[in-house]
Structures are given as structure tokens and as C-alpha cells.
Amino acid sequence: FSLAELDCCVIRGKMSRGSNMKAPFIEAPKASGGYRLYALGFVDARVNFVLNNGNLTNPPSVPVLTPEHLEDQLAAASAHYLQRQIILDAPRRTIFLPKICDVYRKDFGPGEPFDCVQFCVQYLDEDTQTVVIDMFNDDLNSPVIKYQAPSELTHSNLKLQNFYHVSAPVADSDP
């Protein structure tokens, strides 16, 4: 398997195909269809926040997951990613989502920006959740939802990140 085939055909196998894909997002070659036989049999939008292509919008670490703690680790990795990537401009009533939410928007629901915000808000801290909810509770002025631009710059190296079965990420200093 190539890295593109692992990402697109195996790990993301049953999930939505990307839209408006430009670097750093990749698609597996069309001839790789046979690898879809190995695709994971579930759809979980949190996978979007775990896969790391090394660009600067991703953390400088790659999560290490274990089957016995997978649910808690996916939640912790999603919170770790989203709390650093979602930007709120309350005075302008604007929510900036990570580009990954645009590219794989149908992983979060029918494909509308609101669906992605609704999914992501559960992984934000309480204060940020309150700001987002308040933005949507204003009947006269709905918030604007925008997507951040992708970064073409990459990390020079990545570290391993262990997410134990606790809610907060724990860095592992030795890979």
C-alpha cells in the first residue's frame, strides 16, 4: 500500500470522498480500487482529526491509538486538534473551521457547514461551546461559517503522541 492508498482506501474507505481536493489533501490513484477490500468497516468523522499529513495546520505529532482505549483516544485526539484549529471571531460573528471540515464535509452530516460545527462543538472547551451556542441563539443574526485555507508548509518532523484513556492528551517524550 502507498500512503495515499492507506489514507483514502483503507482508513477512510467507507467515509465520504473529498471535494475540492488540493494539496496537501490527496486521492489514491483510480487503479487502487482493489485496496478498498481492506477498508475499515465503520464511519467515524473523528478520523479526520487523527490522520496527519504533516502540514502546519496539523499538530506536530502523530497519535498512537490502541484498540482497548480507542473511543477515549479518538475523543481526546479530536479535542486536541479542534481546540487549536477552530477560531471564533465573536464581534464579527464568524466561525473559522479547519479546511479538513470543508474537504470531507459529508463525514459530518449532509454536507452543510452547520453540520460540521454541530459535530465539532462537543470537542471544544465549555467557554468556547458557550460562545458558539450564543452565536446560533441570536435569531436576528446567524453566524458566518468559513473554512481556513490549507497550509502548504509542513512540519520538519513529527513526534508520536500517546492519548491514554483520560480526557486530556498526554505527550510521550520518547517515541
N, C-alpha and C. Protein backbone atom coordinates (compact mmCIF):
# COMPACT_ATOMS: atom_id res chain seq x y z
N PHE A 1 0.83 -1.19 0.00
CA PHE A 1 0.00 0.00 0.00
C PHE A 1 0.87 1.25 0.00
N SER A 2 0.46 2.24 -0.75
CA SER A 2 1.11 3.55 -0.66
C SER A 2 0.44 4.30 0.50
N LEU A 3 1.03 5.41 0.93
CA LEU A 3 0.40 6.21 1.98
C LEU A 3 -0.96 6.73 1.53
N ALA A 4 -1.07 7.11 0.27
CA ALA A 4 -2.35 7.59 -0.25
C ALA A 4 -3.40 6.48 -0.21
N GLU A 5 -3.02 5.26 -0.54
CA GLU A 5 -3.96 4.14 -0.51
C GLU A 5 -4.37 3.80 0.92
N LEU A 6 -3.43 3.85 1.86
CA LEU A 6 -3.79 3.62 3.26
C LEU A 6 -4.78 4.67 3.75
N ASP A 7 -4.50 5.92 3.44
CA ASP A 7 -5.36 7.02 3.87
C ASP A 7 -6.73 6.92 3.20
N CYS A 8 -6.77 6.91 1.89
CA CYS A 8 -8.03 7.02 1.14
C CYS A 8 -8.80 5.71 1.00
N CYS A 9 -8.12 4.60 0.86
CA CYS A 9 -8.79 3.34 0.56
C CYS A 9 -9.03 2.46 1.79
N VAL A 10 -8.12 2.51 2.74
CA VAL A 10 -8.24 1.62 3.90
C VAL A 10 -8.84 2.36 5.08
N ILE A 11 -8.17 3.38 5.57
CA ILE A 11 -8.65 4.07 6.78
C ILE A 11 -9.93 4.86 6.49
N ARG A 12 -9.96 5.60 5.40
CA ARG A 12 -11.14 6.39 5.05
C ARG A 12 -12.09 5.60 4.15
N GLY A 13 -11.86 4.33 3.97
CA GLY A 13 -12.55 3.51 2.98
C GLY A 13 -14.04 3.71 2.84
N LYS A 14 -14.79 3.66 3.92
CA LYS A 14 -16.25 3.77 3.87
C LYS A 14 -16.74 5.19 4.11
N MET A 15 -15.83 6.11 4.28
CA MET A 15 -16.19 7.50 4.52
C MET A 15 -16.36 8.24 3.19
N SER A 16 -16.80 9.50 3.27
CA SER A 16 -17.04 10.26 2.05
C SER A 16 -15.75 10.55 1.30
N ARG A 17 -15.86 10.73 0.02
CA ARG A 17 -14.73 11.15 -0.80
C ARG A 17 -14.57 12.66 -0.64
N GLY A 18 -13.36 13.10 -0.74
CA GLY A 18 -13.10 14.53 -0.59
C GLY A 18 -13.66 15.34 -1.75
N SER A 19 -13.95 16.61 -1.46
CA SER A 19 -14.38 17.53 -2.51
C SER A 19 -13.43 18.71 -2.53
N ASN A 20 -13.24 19.29 -3.70
CA ASN A 20 -12.32 20.42 -3.85
C ASN A 20 -10.93 20.10 -3.29
N MET A 21 -10.46 18.92 -3.58
CA MET A 21 -9.17 18.48 -3.02
C MET A 21 -8.01 19.15 -3.76
N LYS A 22 -7.22 19.85 -2.99
CA LYS A 22 -5.98 20.46 -3.47
C LYS A 22 -4.93 20.14 -2.43
N ALA A 23 -3.68 20.26 -2.81
CA ALA A 23 -2.61 19.98 -1.86
C ALA A 23 -2.87 20.75 -0.57
N PRO A 24 -2.69 20.13 0.55
CA PRO A 24 -1.98 18.90 0.85
C PRO A 24 -2.86 17.65 0.88
N PHE A 25 -4.13 17.75 0.49
CA PHE A 25 -5.01 16.60 0.51
C PHE A 25 -4.75 15.73 -0.72
N ILE A 26 -4.91 14.43 -0.55
CA ILE A 26 -4.55 13.50 -1.62
C ILE A 26 -5.71 12.58 -1.95
N GLU A 27 -5.65 12.03 -3.13
CA GLU A 27 -6.56 10.98 -3.54
C GLU A 27 -5.72 9.80 -4.01
N ALA A 28 -6.20 8.62 -3.73
CA ALA A 28 -5.50 7.43 -4.22
C ALA A 28 -5.73 7.30 -5.72
N PRO A 29 -4.78 6.73 -6.44
CA PRO A 29 -4.98 6.52 -7.88
C PRO A 29 -6.21 5.65 -8.13
N LYS A 30 -6.88 5.89 -9.24
CA LYS A 30 -8.08 5.12 -9.56
C LYS A 30 -7.81 3.62 -9.63
N ALA A 31 -6.60 3.24 -9.99
CA ALA A 31 -6.25 1.82 -10.07
C ALA A 31 -6.17 1.17 -8.69
N SER A 32 -6.31 1.95 -7.63
CA SER A 32 -6.20 1.42 -6.27
C SER A 32 -7.52 0.89 -5.74
N GLY A 33 -8.53 0.81 -6.55
CA GLY A 33 -9.85 0.38 -6.10
C GLY A 33 -9.85 -0.96 -5.38
N GLY A 34 -8.97 -1.87 -5.77
CA GLY A 34 -8.90 -3.18 -5.12
C GLY A 34 -8.55 -3.10 -3.65
N TYR A 35 -7.84 -2.06 -3.27
CA TYR A 35 -7.47 -1.92 -1.86
C TYR A 35 -8.67 -1.60 -0.98
N ARG A 36 -9.76 -1.18 -1.59
CA ARG A 36 -10.95 -0.88 -0.81
C ARG A 36 -11.51 -2.14 -0.15
N LEU A 37 -11.10 -3.30 -0.61
CA LEU A 37 -11.49 -4.55 0.05
C LEU A 37 -11.01 -4.58 1.49
N TYR A 38 -9.95 -3.85 1.79
CA TYR A 38 -9.37 -3.82 3.12
C TYR A 38 -9.90 -2.66 3.96
N ALA A 39 -10.86 -1.94 3.44
CA ALA A 39 -11.36 -0.73 4.10
C ALA A 39 -11.94 -1.05 5.47
N LEU A 40 -11.71 -0.13 6.40
CA LEU A 40 -12.33 -0.26 7.71
C LEU A 40 -13.84 -0.22 7.53
N GLY A 41 -14.54 -1.00 8.31
CA GLY A 41 -15.98 -1.17 8.13
C GLY A 41 -16.85 -0.18 8.87
N PHE A 42 -16.29 0.90 9.36
CA PHE A 42 -17.09 1.87 10.09
C PHE A 42 -16.81 3.28 9.59
N VAL A 43 -17.72 4.17 9.89
CA VAL A 43 -17.55 5.57 9.54
C VAL A 43 -17.50 6.36 10.85
N ASP A 44 -16.44 7.08 11.06
CA ASP A 44 -16.29 7.89 12.27
C ASP A 44 -15.58 9.18 11.87
N ALA A 45 -16.30 10.29 11.91
CA ALA A 45 -15.75 11.58 11.46
C ALA A 45 -14.52 12.00 12.25
N ARG A 46 -14.33 11.45 13.44
CA ARG A 46 -13.15 11.81 14.24
C ARG A 46 -11.85 11.38 13.58
N VAL A 47 -11.93 10.45 12.66
CA VAL A 47 -10.73 10.01 11.92
C VAL A 47 -10.09 11.20 11.21
N ASN A 48 -10.90 12.16 10.78
CA ASN A 48 -10.38 13.35 10.11
C ASN A 48 -9.39 14.12 10.98
N PHE A 49 -9.56 14.06 12.29
CA PHE A 49 -8.71 14.82 13.19
C PHE A 49 -7.53 14.01 13.71
N VAL A 50 -7.47 12.75 13.31
CA VAL A 50 -6.37 11.87 13.73
C VAL A 50 -5.35 11.71 12.61
N LEU A 51 -5.82 11.61 11.37
CA LEU A 51 -4.90 11.47 10.24
C LEU A 51 -4.09 12.75 10.10
N ASN A 52 -2.81 12.61 9.93
CA ASN A 52 -1.92 13.77 9.91
C ASN A 52 -1.05 13.70 8.66
N ASN A 53 -1.22 14.68 7.77
CA ASN A 53 -0.42 14.70 6.55
C ASN A 53 0.84 15.54 6.69
N GLY A 54 1.08 16.02 7.91
CA GLY A 54 2.32 16.75 8.18
C GLY A 54 2.28 18.23 7.90
N ASN A 55 1.17 18.77 7.37
CA ASN A 55 1.16 20.21 7.12
C ASN A 55 0.98 20.97 8.43
N LEU A 56 1.25 22.26 8.40
CA LEU A 56 1.28 23.04 9.63
C LEU A 56 -0.08 23.24 10.28
N THR A 57 -1.17 22.92 9.60
CA THR A 57 -2.47 23.00 10.25
C THR A 57 -2.71 21.81 11.17
N ASN A 58 -1.90 20.77 11.02
CA ASN A 58 -1.99 19.60 11.89
C ASN A 58 -1.02 19.75 13.06
N PRO A 59 -1.28 19.03 14.15
CA PRO A 59 -0.33 19.08 15.26
C PRO A 59 1.03 18.53 14.82
N PRO A 60 2.09 18.87 15.54
CA PRO A 60 3.42 18.34 15.19
C PRO A 60 3.63 16.93 15.74
N SER A 61 2.53 16.18 15.84
CA SER A 61 2.61 14.83 16.39
C SER A 61 1.61 13.93 15.68
N VAL A 62 1.88 12.64 15.76
CA VAL A 62 1.00 11.62 15.19
C VAL A 62 0.46 10.80 16.34
N PRO A 63 -0.87 10.71 16.47
CA PRO A 63 -1.41 9.97 17.60
C PRO A 63 -1.17 8.46 17.49
N VAL A 64 -0.89 7.87 18.63
CA VAL A 64 -0.76 6.42 18.74
C VAL A 64 -2.02 5.93 19.44
N LEU A 65 -2.78 5.08 18.77
CA LEU A 65 -4.05 4.61 19.31
C LEU A 65 -3.97 3.12 19.63
N THR A 66 -4.75 2.70 20.61
CA THR A 66 -4.80 1.29 20.99
C THR A 66 -6.25 0.81 20.96
N PRO A 67 -6.49 -0.42 20.58
CA PRO A 67 -7.88 -0.91 20.47
C PRO A 67 -8.65 -0.83 21.79
N GLU A 68 -7.98 -1.09 22.90
CA GLU A 68 -8.70 -1.11 24.18
C GLU A 68 -9.15 0.27 24.67
N HIS A 69 -8.56 1.33 24.15
CA HIS A 69 -8.92 2.69 24.57
C HIS A 69 -9.31 3.57 23.38
N LEU A 70 -9.67 2.96 22.26
CA LEU A 70 -9.88 3.69 21.02
C LEU A 70 -10.90 4.82 21.14
N GLU A 71 -12.05 4.55 21.74
CA GLU A 71 -13.09 5.59 21.85
C GLU A 71 -12.58 6.81 22.59
N ASP A 72 -11.99 6.61 23.76
CA ASP A 72 -11.48 7.73 24.55
C ASP A 72 -10.34 8.43 23.82
N GLN A 73 -9.50 7.67 23.14
CA GLN A 73 -8.36 8.26 22.43
C GLN A 73 -8.82 9.08 21.23
N LEU A 74 -9.82 8.60 20.49
CA LEU A 74 -10.35 9.38 19.37
C LEU A 74 -10.98 10.68 19.87
N ALA A 75 -11.69 10.62 20.99
CA ALA A 75 -12.29 11.83 21.56
C ALA A 75 -11.19 12.81 22.00
N ALA A 76 -10.16 12.30 22.68
CA ALA A 76 -9.08 13.17 23.15
C ALA A 76 -8.30 13.78 21.98
N ALA A 77 -8.03 12.97 20.95
CA ALA A 77 -7.30 13.48 19.79
C ALA A 77 -8.14 14.51 19.04
N SER A 78 -9.44 14.30 18.95
CA SER A 78 -10.33 15.27 18.28
C SER A 78 -10.35 16.58 19.05
N ALA A 79 -10.46 16.51 20.38
CA ALA A 79 -10.45 17.72 21.20
C ALA A 79 -9.12 18.44 21.06
N HIS A 80 -8.03 17.69 21.08
CA HIS A 80 -6.69 18.27 20.96
C HIS A 80 -6.57 19.04 19.64
N TYR A 81 -7.05 18.47 18.57
CA TYR A 81 -6.99 19.10 17.25
C TYR A 81 -7.93 20.30 17.16
N LEU A 82 -9.20 20.10 17.50
CA LEU A 82 -10.21 21.13 17.27
C LEU A 82 -10.05 22.35 18.18
N GLN A 83 -9.60 22.14 19.40
CA GLN A 83 -9.42 23.27 20.30
C GLN A 83 -8.32 24.20 19.82
N ARG A 84 -7.46 23.71 18.97
CA ARG A 84 -6.39 24.53 18.40
C ARG A 84 -6.73 25.06 17.00
N GLN A 85 -7.71 24.45 16.37
CA GLN A 85 -7.98 24.79 14.97
C GLN A 85 -9.23 25.64 14.75
N ILE A 86 -10.22 25.53 15.60
CA ILE A 86 -11.43 26.32 15.41
C ILE A 86 -11.16 27.72 15.97
N ILE A 87 -11.42 28.71 15.14
CA ILE A 87 -11.18 30.10 15.52
C ILE A 87 -12.53 30.82 15.53
N LEU A 88 -12.79 31.54 16.60
CA LEU A 88 -14.03 32.31 16.71
C LEU A 88 -13.70 33.79 16.67
N ASP A 89 -14.47 34.52 15.88
CA ASP A 89 -14.40 35.97 15.87
C ASP A 89 -15.79 36.43 16.29
N ALA A 90 -16.01 36.49 17.62
CA ALA A 90 -17.34 36.81 18.16
C ALA A 90 -17.85 38.17 17.70
N PRO A 91 -17.03 39.24 17.72
CA PRO A 91 -17.56 40.54 17.27
C PRO A 91 -18.08 40.51 15.82
N ARG A 92 -17.44 39.74 14.98
CA ARG A 92 -17.88 39.63 13.57
C ARG A 92 -18.81 38.44 13.35
N ARG A 93 -19.08 37.72 14.44
CA ARG A 93 -19.98 36.56 14.41
C ARG A 93 -19.54 35.55 13.34
N THR A 94 -18.25 35.23 13.35
CA THR A 94 -17.68 34.32 12.35
C THR A 94 -16.99 33.16 13.04
N ILE A 95 -17.22 31.97 12.50
CA ILE A 95 -16.58 30.74 12.97
C ILE A 95 -15.71 30.23 11.84
N PHE A 96 -14.43 30.04 12.13
CA PHE A 96 -13.49 29.51 11.13
C PHE A 96 -13.21 28.05 11.48
N LEU A 97 -13.59 27.17 10.57
CA LEU A 97 -13.37 25.73 10.75
C LEU A 97 -12.11 25.30 10.01
N PRO A 98 -11.50 24.19 10.45
CA PRO A 98 -10.34 23.68 9.73
C PRO A 98 -10.73 23.26 8.31
N LYS A 99 -9.79 23.37 7.39
CA LYS A 99 -10.03 23.02 5.99
C LYS A 99 -10.51 21.57 5.84
N ILE A 100 -10.05 20.69 6.71
CA ILE A 100 -10.46 19.28 6.64
C ILE A 100 -11.98 19.14 6.72
N CYS A 101 -12.64 20.07 7.44
CA CYS A 101 -14.10 20.05 7.54
C CYS A 101 -14.77 20.42 6.22
N ASP A 102 -14.09 21.16 5.40
CA ASP A 102 -14.60 21.51 4.07
C ASP A 102 -14.38 20.35 3.10
N VAL A 103 -13.17 19.84 3.09
CA VAL A 103 -12.82 18.77 2.14
C VAL A 103 -13.66 17.52 2.37
N TYR A 104 -13.87 17.14 3.63
CA TYR A 104 -14.63 15.93 3.95
C TYR A 104 -15.94 16.27 4.64
N ARG A 105 -16.62 17.31 4.16
CA ARG A 105 -17.82 17.83 4.81
C ARG A 105 -18.93 16.81 4.98
N LYS A 106 -19.02 15.84 4.09
CA LYS A 106 -20.10 14.85 4.19
C LYS A 106 -19.83 13.78 5.26
N ASP A 107 -18.66 13.80 5.86
CA ASP A 107 -18.40 12.92 7.00
C ASP A 107 -19.16 13.40 8.24
N PHE A 108 -19.56 14.67 8.26
CA PHE A 108 -20.17 15.28 9.43
C PHE A 108 -21.68 15.41 9.32
N GLY A 109 -22.25 14.95 8.24
CA GLY A 109 -23.69 15.05 8.02
C GLY A 109 -23.95 15.27 6.54
N PRO A 110 -25.06 15.93 6.21
CA PRO A 110 -25.41 16.14 4.80
C PRO A 110 -24.44 17.00 4.01
N GLY A 111 -23.53 17.69 4.68
CA GLY A 111 -22.53 18.46 3.95
C GLY A 111 -22.62 19.96 4.14
N GLU A 112 -23.52 20.41 5.00
CA GLU A 112 -23.66 21.84 5.27
C GLU A 112 -22.66 22.26 6.36
N PRO A 113 -22.15 23.48 6.30
CA PRO A 113 -21.20 23.94 7.32
C PRO A 113 -21.74 23.82 8.75
N PHE A 114 -23.04 24.06 8.93
CA PHE A 114 -23.63 23.95 10.26
C PHE A 114 -23.46 22.54 10.83
N ASP A 115 -23.58 21.52 9.97
CA ASP A 115 -23.43 20.13 10.42
C ASP A 115 -22.06 19.91 11.03
N CYS A 116 -21.06 20.48 10.41
CA CYS A 116 -19.70 20.33 10.92
C CYS A 116 -19.54 21.05 12.25
N VAL A 117 -20.07 22.27 12.36
CA VAL A 117 -19.99 23.00 13.63
C VAL A 117 -20.71 22.20 14.72
N GLN A 118 -21.86 21.69 14.40
CA GLN A 118 -22.64 20.92 15.37
C GLN A 118 -21.85 19.70 15.85
N PHE A 119 -21.15 19.04 14.96
CA PHE A 119 -20.34 17.89 15.34
C PHE A 119 -19.14 18.32 16.18
N CYS A 120 -18.45 19.36 15.75
CA CYS A 120 -17.19 19.77 16.38
C CYS A 120 -17.36 20.41 17.75
N VAL A 121 -18.48 21.07 17.98
CA VAL A 121 -18.64 21.83 19.22
C VAL A 121 -18.52 20.95 20.46
N GLN A 122 -18.86 19.68 20.36
CA GLN A 122 -18.78 18.79 21.52
C GLN A 122 -17.34 18.58 21.99
N TYR A 123 -16.36 18.87 21.14
CA TYR A 123 -14.96 18.67 21.49
C TYR A 123 -14.26 19.95 21.94
N LEU A 124 -15.01 21.03 22.04
CA LEU A 124 -14.44 22.31 22.46
C LEU A 124 -14.61 22.47 23.96
N ASP A 125 -13.81 23.35 24.56
CA ASP A 125 -13.96 23.59 26.00
C ASP A 125 -15.28 24.32 26.25
N GLU A 126 -15.74 24.31 27.50
CA GLU A 126 -17.06 24.86 27.84
C GLU A 126 -17.23 26.32 27.45
N ASP A 127 -16.22 27.13 27.69
CA ASP A 127 -16.33 28.55 27.35
C ASP A 127 -16.52 28.75 25.85
N THR A 128 -15.77 28.00 25.06
CA THR A 128 -15.89 28.12 23.61
C THR A 128 -17.24 27.58 23.14
N GLN A 129 -17.70 26.49 23.74
CA GLN A 129 -19.02 25.96 23.40
C GLN A 129 -20.10 27.01 23.65
N THR A 130 -19.99 27.72 24.77
CA THR A 130 -20.98 28.74 25.11
C THR A 130 -20.99 29.86 24.08
N VAL A 131 -19.82 30.29 23.63
CA VAL A 131 -19.74 31.35 22.63
C VAL A 131 -20.41 30.88 21.33
N VAL A 132 -20.11 29.66 20.90
CA VAL A 132 -20.70 29.13 19.67
C VAL A 132 -22.21 29.02 19.80
N ILE A 133 -22.69 28.49 20.90
CA ILE A 133 -24.14 28.34 21.10
C ILE A 133 -24.81 29.71 21.12
N ASP A 134 -24.20 30.67 21.79
CA ASP A 134 -24.77 32.03 21.82
C ASP A 134 -24.84 32.63 20.41
N MET A 135 -23.83 32.36 19.59
CA MET A 135 -23.86 32.86 18.21
C MET A 135 -25.07 32.32 17.45
N PHE A 136 -25.40 31.06 17.66
CA PHE A 136 -26.52 30.44 16.95
C PHE A 136 -27.87 30.78 17.57
N ASN A 137 -27.88 31.18 18.84
CA ASN A 137 -29.14 31.51 19.51
C ASN A 137 -29.65 32.90 19.16
N ASP A 138 -28.87 33.69 18.49
CA ASP A 138 -29.29 35.03 18.07
C ASP A 138 -30.13 34.87 16.79
N ASP A 139 -31.43 35.00 16.95
CA ASP A 139 -32.35 34.78 15.82
C ASP A 139 -32.20 35.81 14.71
N LEU A 140 -31.69 36.99 15.04
CA LEU A 140 -31.60 38.06 14.06
C LEU A 140 -30.34 38.03 13.21
N ASN A 141 -29.30 37.38 13.72
CA ASN A 141 -28.01 37.46 13.04
C ASN A 141 -27.26 36.14 13.17
N SER A 142 -27.49 35.22 12.27
CA SER A 142 -26.81 33.92 12.31
C SER A 142 -25.31 34.11 12.06
N PRO A 143 -24.49 33.26 12.64
CA PRO A 143 -23.05 33.40 12.41
C PRO A 143 -22.66 32.99 10.99
N VAL A 144 -21.54 33.52 10.56
CA VAL A 144 -20.95 33.14 9.28
C VAL A 144 -19.98 32.01 9.56
N ILE A 145 -20.01 30.98 8.74
CA ILE A 145 -19.08 29.87 8.91
C ILE A 145 -18.16 29.85 7.70
N LYS A 146 -16.87 29.93 7.97
CA LYS A 146 -15.88 29.92 6.91
C LYS A 146 -14.88 28.79 7.18
N TYR A 147 -14.15 28.43 6.13
CA TYR A 147 -13.11 27.41 6.26
C TYR A 147 -11.74 28.06 6.12
N GLN A 148 -10.83 27.61 6.93
CA GLN A 148 -9.46 28.13 6.86
C GLN A 148 -8.79 27.62 5.59
N ALA A 149 -7.83 28.36 5.13
CA ALA A 149 -7.05 27.93 3.96
C ALA A 149 -6.11 26.81 4.38
N PRO A 150 -5.84 25.86 3.48
CA PRO A 150 -4.87 24.82 3.82
C PRO A 150 -3.45 25.39 3.82
N SER A 151 -2.61 24.77 4.56
CA SER A 151 -1.22 25.19 4.59
C SER A 151 -0.41 24.31 3.63
N GLU A 152 0.44 24.94 2.87
CA GLU A 152 1.34 24.17 2.00
C GLU A 152 2.67 23.93 2.69
N LEU A 153 2.85 24.53 3.86
CA LEU A 153 4.08 24.33 4.63
C LEU A 153 3.92 23.09 5.51
N THR A 154 5.02 22.40 5.75
CA THR A 154 4.96 21.17 6.53
C THR A 154 5.89 21.24 7.74
N HIS A 155 5.58 20.40 8.71
CA HIS A 155 6.47 20.25 9.86
C HIS A 155 7.76 19.57 9.39
N SER A 156 8.88 19.93 9.97
CA SER A 156 10.14 19.30 9.57
C SER A 156 10.24 17.88 10.13
N ASN A 157 9.55 17.60 11.23
CA ASN A 157 9.48 16.24 11.76
C ASN A 157 8.23 16.14 12.62
N LEU A 158 7.81 14.94 12.88
CA LEU A 158 6.64 14.68 13.70
C LEU A 158 7.03 13.77 14.86
N LYS A 159 6.36 13.95 15.99
CA LYS A 159 6.58 13.10 17.16
C LYS A 159 5.38 12.20 17.34
N LEU A 160 5.57 11.13 18.10
CA LEU A 160 4.44 10.28 18.46
C LEU A 160 3.73 10.91 19.64
N GLN A 161 2.40 10.81 19.66
CA GLN A 161 1.58 11.37 20.74
C GLN A 161 0.70 10.27 21.28
N ASN A 162 0.88 9.93 22.54
CA ASN A 162 0.01 8.93 23.17
C ASN A 162 -1.18 9.62 23.78
N PHE A 163 -2.36 9.13 23.44
CA PHE A 163 -3.60 9.59 24.06
C PHE A 163 -4.10 8.43 24.89
N TYR A 164 -3.87 8.51 26.17
CA TYR A 164 -4.31 7.45 27.07
C TYR A 164 -5.81 7.57 27.26
N HIS A 165 -6.37 6.76 28.10
CA HIS A 165 -7.82 6.75 28.27
C HIS A 165 -8.33 7.87 29.19
N VAL A 166 -7.58 8.94 29.28
CA VAL A 166 -8.04 10.12 30.02
C VAL A 166 -8.51 11.16 29.02
N SER A 167 -9.22 12.17 29.50
CA SER A 167 -9.79 13.15 28.57
C SER A 167 -8.77 14.12 28.02
N ALA A 168 -7.65 14.32 28.69
CA ALA A 168 -6.65 15.26 28.20
C ALA A 168 -5.49 14.50 27.57
N PRO A 169 -4.91 15.03 26.49
CA PRO A 169 -3.78 14.35 25.85
C PRO A 169 -2.55 14.37 26.75
N VAL A 170 -1.80 13.29 26.67
CA VAL A 170 -0.56 13.18 27.42
C VAL A 170 0.56 12.99 26.42
N ALA A 171 1.52 13.88 26.43
CA ALA A 171 2.64 13.79 25.46
C ALA A 171 3.58 12.70 25.88
N ASP A 172 4.09 11.99 24.92
CA ASP A 172 5.08 10.96 25.17
C ASP A 172 6.41 11.50 24.68
N SER A 173 7.36 11.66 25.58
CA SER A 173 8.63 12.28 25.19
C SER A 173 9.55 11.32 24.44
N ASP A 174 9.36 10.04 24.62
CA ASP A 174 10.20 9.06 23.92
C ASP A 174 9.36 8.27 22.96
N PRO A 175 9.59 8.39 21.66
CA PRO A 175 8.78 7.64 20.68
C PRO A 175 9.02 6.18 20.69
